N, C-alpha and C. Protein backbone atom coordinates (compact mmCIF):
# COMPACT_ATOMS: atom_id res chain seq x y z
N MET A 1 0.84 -1.18 0.00
CA MET A 1 0.00 0.00 0.00
C MET A 1 0.89 1.24 0.00
N LYS A 2 0.52 2.21 -0.79
CA LYS A 2 1.27 3.46 -0.86
C LYS A 2 0.73 4.40 0.22
N THR A 3 1.56 4.64 1.24
CA THR A 3 1.16 5.45 2.40
C THR A 3 2.05 6.67 2.50
N VAL A 4 1.43 7.82 2.75
CA VAL A 4 2.18 9.05 2.99
C VAL A 4 1.80 9.57 4.37
N PHE A 5 2.82 9.86 5.17
CA PHE A 5 2.64 10.48 6.47
C PHE A 5 2.94 11.96 6.30
N LEU A 6 1.97 12.80 6.55
CA LEU A 6 2.08 14.24 6.37
C LEU A 6 2.21 14.91 7.73
N THR A 7 3.27 15.71 7.91
CA THR A 7 3.47 16.38 9.19
C THR A 7 2.59 17.63 9.27
N VAL A 8 2.02 17.85 10.45
CA VAL A 8 1.16 19.00 10.70
C VAL A 8 1.55 19.59 12.05
N GLY A 9 1.82 20.88 12.08
CA GLY A 9 2.16 21.54 13.33
C GLY A 9 2.87 22.84 13.07
N PRO A 10 2.96 23.67 14.10
CA PRO A 10 3.59 24.99 13.93
C PRO A 10 5.10 24.87 13.67
N GLN A 11 5.64 25.91 13.10
CA GLN A 11 7.09 25.96 12.92
C GLN A 11 7.74 25.88 14.30
N GLY A 12 8.79 25.09 14.39
CA GLY A 12 9.50 24.95 15.65
C GLY A 12 8.92 23.90 16.57
N SER A 13 7.96 23.11 16.07
CA SER A 13 7.34 22.11 16.94
C SER A 13 8.09 20.79 16.97
N GLY A 14 9.15 20.65 16.16
CA GLY A 14 9.96 19.44 16.20
C GLY A 14 9.63 18.42 15.13
N LYS A 15 8.88 18.82 14.12
CA LYS A 15 8.47 17.89 13.07
C LYS A 15 9.67 17.25 12.37
N SER A 16 10.59 18.07 11.90
CA SER A 16 11.73 17.56 11.13
C SER A 16 12.63 16.68 11.98
N VAL A 17 12.90 17.09 13.20
CA VAL A 17 13.76 16.30 14.09
C VAL A 17 13.12 14.94 14.36
N PHE A 18 11.84 14.94 14.64
CA PHE A 18 11.13 13.68 14.89
C PHE A 18 11.20 12.77 13.67
N CYS A 19 10.90 13.33 12.49
CA CYS A 19 10.89 12.54 11.26
C CYS A 19 12.26 11.95 10.95
N GLN A 20 13.30 12.73 11.16
CA GLN A 20 14.66 12.22 10.92
C GLN A 20 14.95 11.02 11.82
N LYS A 21 14.52 11.11 13.08
CA LYS A 21 14.74 9.99 14.00
C LYS A 21 13.93 8.77 13.60
N VAL A 22 12.70 8.97 13.15
CA VAL A 22 11.86 7.85 12.73
C VAL A 22 12.47 7.15 11.53
N VAL A 23 12.98 7.92 10.56
CA VAL A 23 13.60 7.33 9.36
C VAL A 23 14.87 6.56 9.73
N LEU A 24 15.65 7.09 10.66
CA LEU A 24 16.86 6.38 11.10
C LEU A 24 16.52 5.02 11.72
N GLU A 25 15.40 4.95 12.43
CA GLU A 25 15.00 3.72 13.10
C GLU A 25 14.22 2.77 12.19
N ASN A 26 13.71 3.28 11.07
CA ASN A 26 12.88 2.48 10.17
C ASN A 26 13.37 2.65 8.74
N GLN A 27 14.30 1.82 8.35
CA GLN A 27 14.95 1.97 7.05
C GLN A 27 14.00 1.82 5.87
N HIS A 28 12.84 1.21 6.08
CA HIS A 28 11.88 1.07 4.97
C HIS A 28 11.16 2.38 4.66
N LEU A 29 11.19 3.33 5.59
CA LEU A 29 10.55 4.62 5.37
C LEU A 29 11.44 5.53 4.52
N LYS A 30 10.82 6.28 3.65
CA LYS A 30 11.51 7.31 2.87
C LYS A 30 10.96 8.66 3.32
N MET A 31 11.72 9.72 3.07
CA MET A 31 11.26 11.04 3.50
C MET A 31 11.58 12.08 2.44
N VAL A 32 10.62 12.98 2.24
CA VAL A 32 10.84 14.18 1.44
C VAL A 32 10.61 15.35 2.39
N SER A 33 11.61 16.21 2.49
CA SER A 33 11.56 17.35 3.41
C SER A 33 11.73 18.65 2.64
N ARG A 34 10.75 19.52 2.75
CA ARG A 34 10.84 20.81 2.07
C ARG A 34 12.05 21.59 2.57
N ASP A 35 12.32 21.58 3.87
CA ASP A 35 13.47 22.31 4.40
C ASP A 35 14.78 21.74 3.87
N ALA A 36 14.89 20.41 3.77
CA ALA A 36 16.10 19.79 3.24
C ALA A 36 16.31 20.20 1.77
N ILE A 37 15.22 20.32 1.03
CA ILE A 37 15.31 20.76 -0.37
C ILE A 37 15.77 22.20 -0.43
N LEU A 38 15.25 23.06 0.44
CA LEU A 38 15.70 24.45 0.48
C LEU A 38 17.19 24.53 0.78
N ILE A 39 17.66 23.71 1.71
CA ILE A 39 19.09 23.70 2.04
C ILE A 39 19.90 23.20 0.84
N GLU A 40 19.40 22.15 0.18
CA GLU A 40 20.10 21.62 -1.00
C GLU A 40 20.20 22.68 -2.10
N LEU A 41 19.11 23.40 -2.34
CA LEU A 41 19.08 24.37 -3.44
C LEU A 41 19.76 25.70 -3.10
N PHE A 42 19.59 26.16 -1.84
CA PHE A 42 20.01 27.52 -1.50
C PHE A 42 20.96 27.61 -0.30
N GLY A 43 21.24 26.47 0.33
CA GLY A 43 22.15 26.47 1.46
C GLY A 43 21.52 26.86 2.78
N THR A 44 20.23 27.17 2.77
CA THR A 44 19.52 27.58 3.98
C THR A 44 18.02 27.41 3.77
N PRO A 45 17.27 27.13 4.86
CA PRO A 45 15.81 27.11 4.72
C PRO A 45 15.19 28.50 4.91
N TRP A 46 16.01 29.47 5.24
CA TRP A 46 15.53 30.82 5.54
C TRP A 46 15.69 31.71 4.30
N LEU A 47 14.64 31.80 3.52
CA LEU A 47 14.68 32.61 2.31
C LEU A 47 13.77 33.82 2.47
N ASP A 48 14.12 34.88 1.79
CA ASP A 48 13.25 36.04 1.70
C ASP A 48 11.99 35.60 0.95
N SER A 49 10.84 35.99 1.44
CA SER A 49 9.59 35.55 0.81
C SER A 49 9.44 36.07 -0.62
N TYR A 50 10.21 37.08 -0.98
CA TYR A 50 10.13 37.63 -2.33
C TYR A 50 11.13 37.00 -3.29
N SER A 51 11.94 36.07 -2.83
CA SER A 51 13.00 35.48 -3.66
C SER A 51 12.48 34.51 -4.72
N GLY A 52 11.34 33.92 -4.46
CA GLY A 52 10.82 32.90 -5.37
C GLY A 52 11.38 31.51 -5.09
N GLY A 53 12.33 31.43 -4.17
CA GLY A 53 12.96 30.15 -3.88
C GLY A 53 12.01 29.11 -3.33
N HIS A 54 11.01 29.54 -2.56
CA HIS A 54 10.05 28.58 -1.99
C HIS A 54 9.26 27.89 -3.10
N PHE A 55 8.97 28.61 -4.18
CA PHE A 55 8.24 28.00 -5.29
C PHE A 55 9.10 26.93 -5.97
N LEU A 56 10.38 27.21 -6.16
CA LEU A 56 11.29 26.21 -6.74
C LEU A 56 11.39 24.98 -5.85
N ALA A 57 11.47 25.21 -4.54
CA ALA A 57 11.56 24.08 -3.60
C ALA A 57 10.29 23.25 -3.64
N HIS A 58 9.12 23.90 -3.71
CA HIS A 58 7.86 23.15 -3.79
C HIS A 58 7.78 22.33 -5.07
N GLU A 59 8.25 22.87 -6.18
CA GLU A 59 8.26 22.11 -7.43
C GLU A 59 9.11 20.86 -7.29
N LYS A 60 10.30 21.02 -6.73
CA LYS A 60 11.19 19.86 -6.53
C LYS A 60 10.59 18.88 -5.54
N MET A 61 9.97 19.40 -4.48
CA MET A 61 9.36 18.54 -3.48
C MET A 61 8.30 17.64 -4.14
N TRP A 62 7.41 18.23 -4.94
CA TRP A 62 6.35 17.45 -5.58
C TRP A 62 6.92 16.49 -6.61
N LYS A 63 7.98 16.88 -7.29
CA LYS A 63 8.63 15.97 -8.24
C LYS A 63 9.19 14.76 -7.50
N ASP A 64 9.86 14.99 -6.37
CA ASP A 64 10.41 13.90 -5.57
C ASP A 64 9.30 12.99 -5.03
N VAL A 65 8.22 13.59 -4.54
CA VAL A 65 7.09 12.80 -4.02
C VAL A 65 6.53 11.93 -5.15
N ALA A 66 6.34 12.51 -6.32
CA ALA A 66 5.80 11.76 -7.46
C ALA A 66 6.70 10.57 -7.81
N GLU A 67 8.01 10.78 -7.77
CA GLU A 67 8.95 9.68 -8.07
C GLU A 67 8.81 8.55 -7.04
N TYR A 68 8.73 8.90 -5.77
CA TYR A 68 8.58 7.87 -4.74
C TYR A 68 7.27 7.11 -4.91
N LEU A 69 6.22 7.82 -5.27
CA LEU A 69 4.91 7.17 -5.37
C LEU A 69 4.76 6.30 -6.62
N THR A 70 5.79 6.24 -7.45
CA THR A 70 5.76 5.27 -8.56
C THR A 70 6.13 3.89 -8.05
N GLN A 71 6.71 3.81 -6.85
CA GLN A 71 7.12 2.54 -6.27
C GLN A 71 5.91 1.83 -5.65
N ASP A 72 5.97 0.51 -5.68
CA ASP A 72 4.93 -0.28 -5.03
C ASP A 72 5.18 -0.32 -3.53
N ASP A 73 4.12 -0.32 -2.78
CA ASP A 73 4.19 -0.52 -1.33
C ASP A 73 5.20 0.42 -0.66
N ILE A 74 5.09 1.72 -0.93
CA ILE A 74 6.01 2.72 -0.38
C ILE A 74 5.40 3.34 0.89
N ALA A 75 6.25 3.62 1.85
CA ALA A 75 5.86 4.39 3.04
C ALA A 75 6.73 5.63 3.03
N LEU A 76 6.10 6.79 2.89
CA LEU A 76 6.80 8.05 2.68
C LEU A 76 6.36 9.09 3.70
N ILE A 77 7.33 9.79 4.28
CA ILE A 77 7.03 10.93 5.15
C ILE A 77 7.19 12.18 4.30
N LEU A 78 6.17 13.03 4.31
CA LEU A 78 6.25 14.33 3.64
C LEU A 78 6.30 15.38 4.74
N ASP A 79 7.49 15.91 4.96
CA ASP A 79 7.72 16.92 6.00
C ASP A 79 7.71 18.29 5.33
N CYS A 80 6.55 18.89 5.36
CA CYS A 80 6.36 20.18 4.68
C CYS A 80 5.36 20.99 5.48
N TRP A 81 5.78 22.17 5.90
CA TRP A 81 4.87 23.03 6.67
C TRP A 81 3.64 23.32 5.85
N ASN A 82 2.48 23.19 6.47
CA ASN A 82 1.19 23.45 5.82
C ASN A 82 0.27 24.05 6.86
N GLY A 83 0.17 25.36 6.85
CA GLY A 83 -0.45 26.07 7.94
C GLY A 83 -1.96 26.02 8.07
N TYR A 84 -2.66 25.83 6.98
CA TYR A 84 -4.12 25.94 7.03
C TYR A 84 -4.77 24.65 6.57
N PRO A 85 -5.94 24.32 7.12
CA PRO A 85 -6.64 23.10 6.71
C PRO A 85 -6.85 23.03 5.19
N GLU A 86 -7.11 24.16 4.56
CA GLU A 86 -7.32 24.16 3.11
C GLU A 86 -6.05 23.73 2.37
N GLU A 87 -4.89 24.15 2.88
CA GLU A 87 -3.62 23.73 2.28
C GLU A 87 -3.45 22.22 2.40
N ARG A 88 -3.77 21.69 3.57
CA ARG A 88 -3.65 20.25 3.78
C ARG A 88 -4.62 19.49 2.88
N GLN A 89 -5.83 19.99 2.74
CA GLN A 89 -6.80 19.33 1.86
C GLN A 89 -6.29 19.27 0.42
N GLU A 90 -5.69 20.35 -0.04
CA GLU A 90 -5.13 20.37 -1.39
C GLU A 90 -3.95 19.42 -1.51
N MET A 91 -3.14 19.36 -0.45
CA MET A 91 -2.00 18.44 -0.46
C MET A 91 -2.47 16.99 -0.50
N VAL A 92 -3.48 16.67 0.29
CA VAL A 92 -4.01 15.30 0.31
C VAL A 92 -4.60 14.96 -1.07
N LYS A 93 -5.31 15.88 -1.66
CA LYS A 93 -5.87 15.65 -2.99
C LYS A 93 -4.75 15.37 -4.00
N ARG A 94 -3.70 16.18 -3.94
CA ARG A 94 -2.59 16.00 -4.86
C ARG A 94 -1.88 14.67 -4.61
N LEU A 95 -1.69 14.32 -3.33
CA LEU A 95 -1.05 13.04 -3.00
C LEU A 95 -1.87 11.87 -3.54
N ARG A 96 -3.17 11.95 -3.40
CA ARG A 96 -4.04 10.88 -3.92
C ARG A 96 -3.97 10.81 -5.44
N ASN A 97 -3.92 11.97 -6.10
CA ASN A 97 -3.79 12.00 -7.56
C ASN A 97 -2.46 11.40 -8.01
N LEU A 98 -1.44 11.49 -7.16
CA LEU A 98 -0.13 10.91 -7.48
C LEU A 98 -0.04 9.42 -7.13
N GLY A 99 -1.10 8.88 -6.53
CA GLY A 99 -1.13 7.45 -6.27
C GLY A 99 -1.14 7.04 -4.81
N ALA A 100 -1.11 7.98 -3.89
CA ALA A 100 -1.16 7.62 -2.47
C ALA A 100 -2.52 6.98 -2.16
N GLU A 101 -2.46 5.81 -1.55
CA GLU A 101 -3.71 5.13 -1.19
C GLU A 101 -4.17 5.50 0.21
N ARG A 102 -3.20 5.90 1.02
CA ARG A 102 -3.52 6.28 2.40
C ARG A 102 -2.65 7.47 2.76
N VAL A 103 -3.28 8.50 3.34
CA VAL A 103 -2.56 9.68 3.82
C VAL A 103 -2.88 9.81 5.30
N VAL A 104 -1.83 9.82 6.11
CA VAL A 104 -1.98 9.89 7.56
C VAL A 104 -1.34 11.19 8.03
N ALA A 105 -2.09 11.98 8.78
CA ALA A 105 -1.55 13.24 9.32
C ALA A 105 -0.95 12.97 10.69
N TRP A 106 0.30 13.40 10.84
CA TRP A 106 0.95 13.36 12.15
C TRP A 106 0.87 14.78 12.72
N TYR A 107 0.01 14.97 13.73
CA TYR A 107 -0.18 16.28 14.35
C TYR A 107 0.81 16.45 15.49
N PHE A 108 1.56 17.55 15.43
CA PHE A 108 2.55 17.86 16.47
C PHE A 108 1.99 18.97 17.34
N THR A 109 1.89 18.68 18.62
CA THR A 109 1.47 19.70 19.57
C THR A 109 2.66 20.01 20.46
N THR A 110 3.05 21.24 20.46
CA THR A 110 4.24 21.67 21.18
C THR A 110 3.90 22.93 21.95
N PRO A 111 4.35 23.06 23.19
CA PRO A 111 4.05 24.28 23.96
C PRO A 111 4.53 25.53 23.23
N LEU A 112 3.75 26.59 23.34
CA LEU A 112 4.05 27.84 22.66
C LEU A 112 5.46 28.34 22.98
N ASN A 113 5.87 28.23 24.25
CA ASN A 113 7.20 28.75 24.61
C ASN A 113 8.33 28.02 23.89
N VAL A 114 8.15 26.74 23.58
CA VAL A 114 9.17 25.99 22.84
C VAL A 114 9.25 26.51 21.40
N CYS A 115 8.10 26.74 20.79
CA CYS A 115 8.08 27.29 19.43
C CYS A 115 8.69 28.69 19.39
N ILE A 116 8.41 29.50 20.41
CA ILE A 116 8.96 30.85 20.46
C ILE A 116 10.47 30.80 20.63
N GLU A 117 10.95 29.90 21.48
CA GLU A 117 12.41 29.75 21.65
C GLU A 117 13.06 29.39 20.32
N TRP A 118 12.43 28.49 19.58
CA TRP A 118 12.95 28.13 18.26
C TRP A 118 12.95 29.35 17.34
N TYR A 119 11.85 30.10 17.35
CA TYR A 119 11.72 31.29 16.50
C TYR A 119 12.84 32.29 16.80
N LEU A 120 13.16 32.46 18.05
CA LEU A 120 14.19 33.42 18.44
C LEU A 120 15.58 33.00 17.96
N GLN A 121 15.76 31.73 17.65
CA GLN A 121 17.06 31.24 17.16
C GLN A 121 17.21 31.40 15.64
N LYS A 122 16.13 31.74 14.95
CA LYS A 122 16.19 31.88 13.50
C LYS A 122 17.17 32.98 13.11
N PRO A 123 17.96 32.76 12.07
CA PRO A 123 18.89 33.79 11.63
C PRO A 123 18.18 35.04 11.11
N THR A 124 16.92 34.89 10.72
CA THR A 124 16.18 36.03 10.18
C THR A 124 15.38 36.77 11.26
N TYR A 125 15.52 36.32 12.50
CA TYR A 125 14.77 36.94 13.60
C TYR A 125 15.20 38.40 13.77
N SER A 126 14.21 39.27 13.85
CA SER A 126 14.53 40.67 14.11
C SER A 126 13.79 41.17 15.34
N LYS A 127 12.54 40.76 15.50
CA LYS A 127 11.76 41.21 16.64
C LYS A 127 10.61 40.24 16.85
N LEU A 128 10.35 39.91 18.09
CA LEU A 128 9.23 39.06 18.43
C LEU A 128 7.93 39.81 18.19
N PRO A 129 6.98 39.22 17.46
CA PRO A 129 5.71 39.91 17.26
C PRO A 129 5.09 40.31 18.59
N ASP A 130 4.47 41.48 18.64
CA ASP A 130 3.93 42.03 19.88
C ASP A 130 3.01 41.06 20.60
N GLU A 131 2.15 40.36 19.85
CA GLU A 131 1.19 39.46 20.50
C GLU A 131 1.88 38.30 21.19
N LEU A 132 3.04 37.88 20.69
CA LEU A 132 3.78 36.81 21.35
C LEU A 132 4.62 37.37 22.49
N ASP A 133 5.18 38.55 22.30
CA ASP A 133 6.00 39.18 23.32
C ASP A 133 5.20 39.35 24.62
N LYS A 134 3.92 39.65 24.51
CA LYS A 134 3.07 39.84 25.69
C LYS A 134 2.82 38.54 26.43
N ARG A 135 2.90 37.41 25.72
CA ARG A 135 2.65 36.09 26.33
C ARG A 135 3.87 35.58 27.09
N MET A 136 5.04 36.10 26.79
CA MET A 136 6.28 35.60 27.39
C MET A 136 6.42 36.02 28.83
């Protein structure tokens, strides 16, 4: 059965770290990571939103996913931030069109302070948004 595990959760919730550990422990699993593609293409996952680099990374990500889904009985992790339910619905539709028979969402729940600590470590960090600063 062609199965795709789709990560869901806020930035900094530990999705990529968890997925890397799961793949290390389960050699039959394959993974496509949008952040890893950004690093491969641009040397960093932190791109200016006006650069267009995210669009190139998404094209490569979907190409890689399509290649994996040509295999029989594949188990694939798709580690790609998807912030809104509508985005996930479109991703699931696309995955099914590419041959995924089962799509499983892995929801990551992480305390807000952990996500904020991660955000503060970003090289592009300049200022904590006011609404988060008040919560700290």
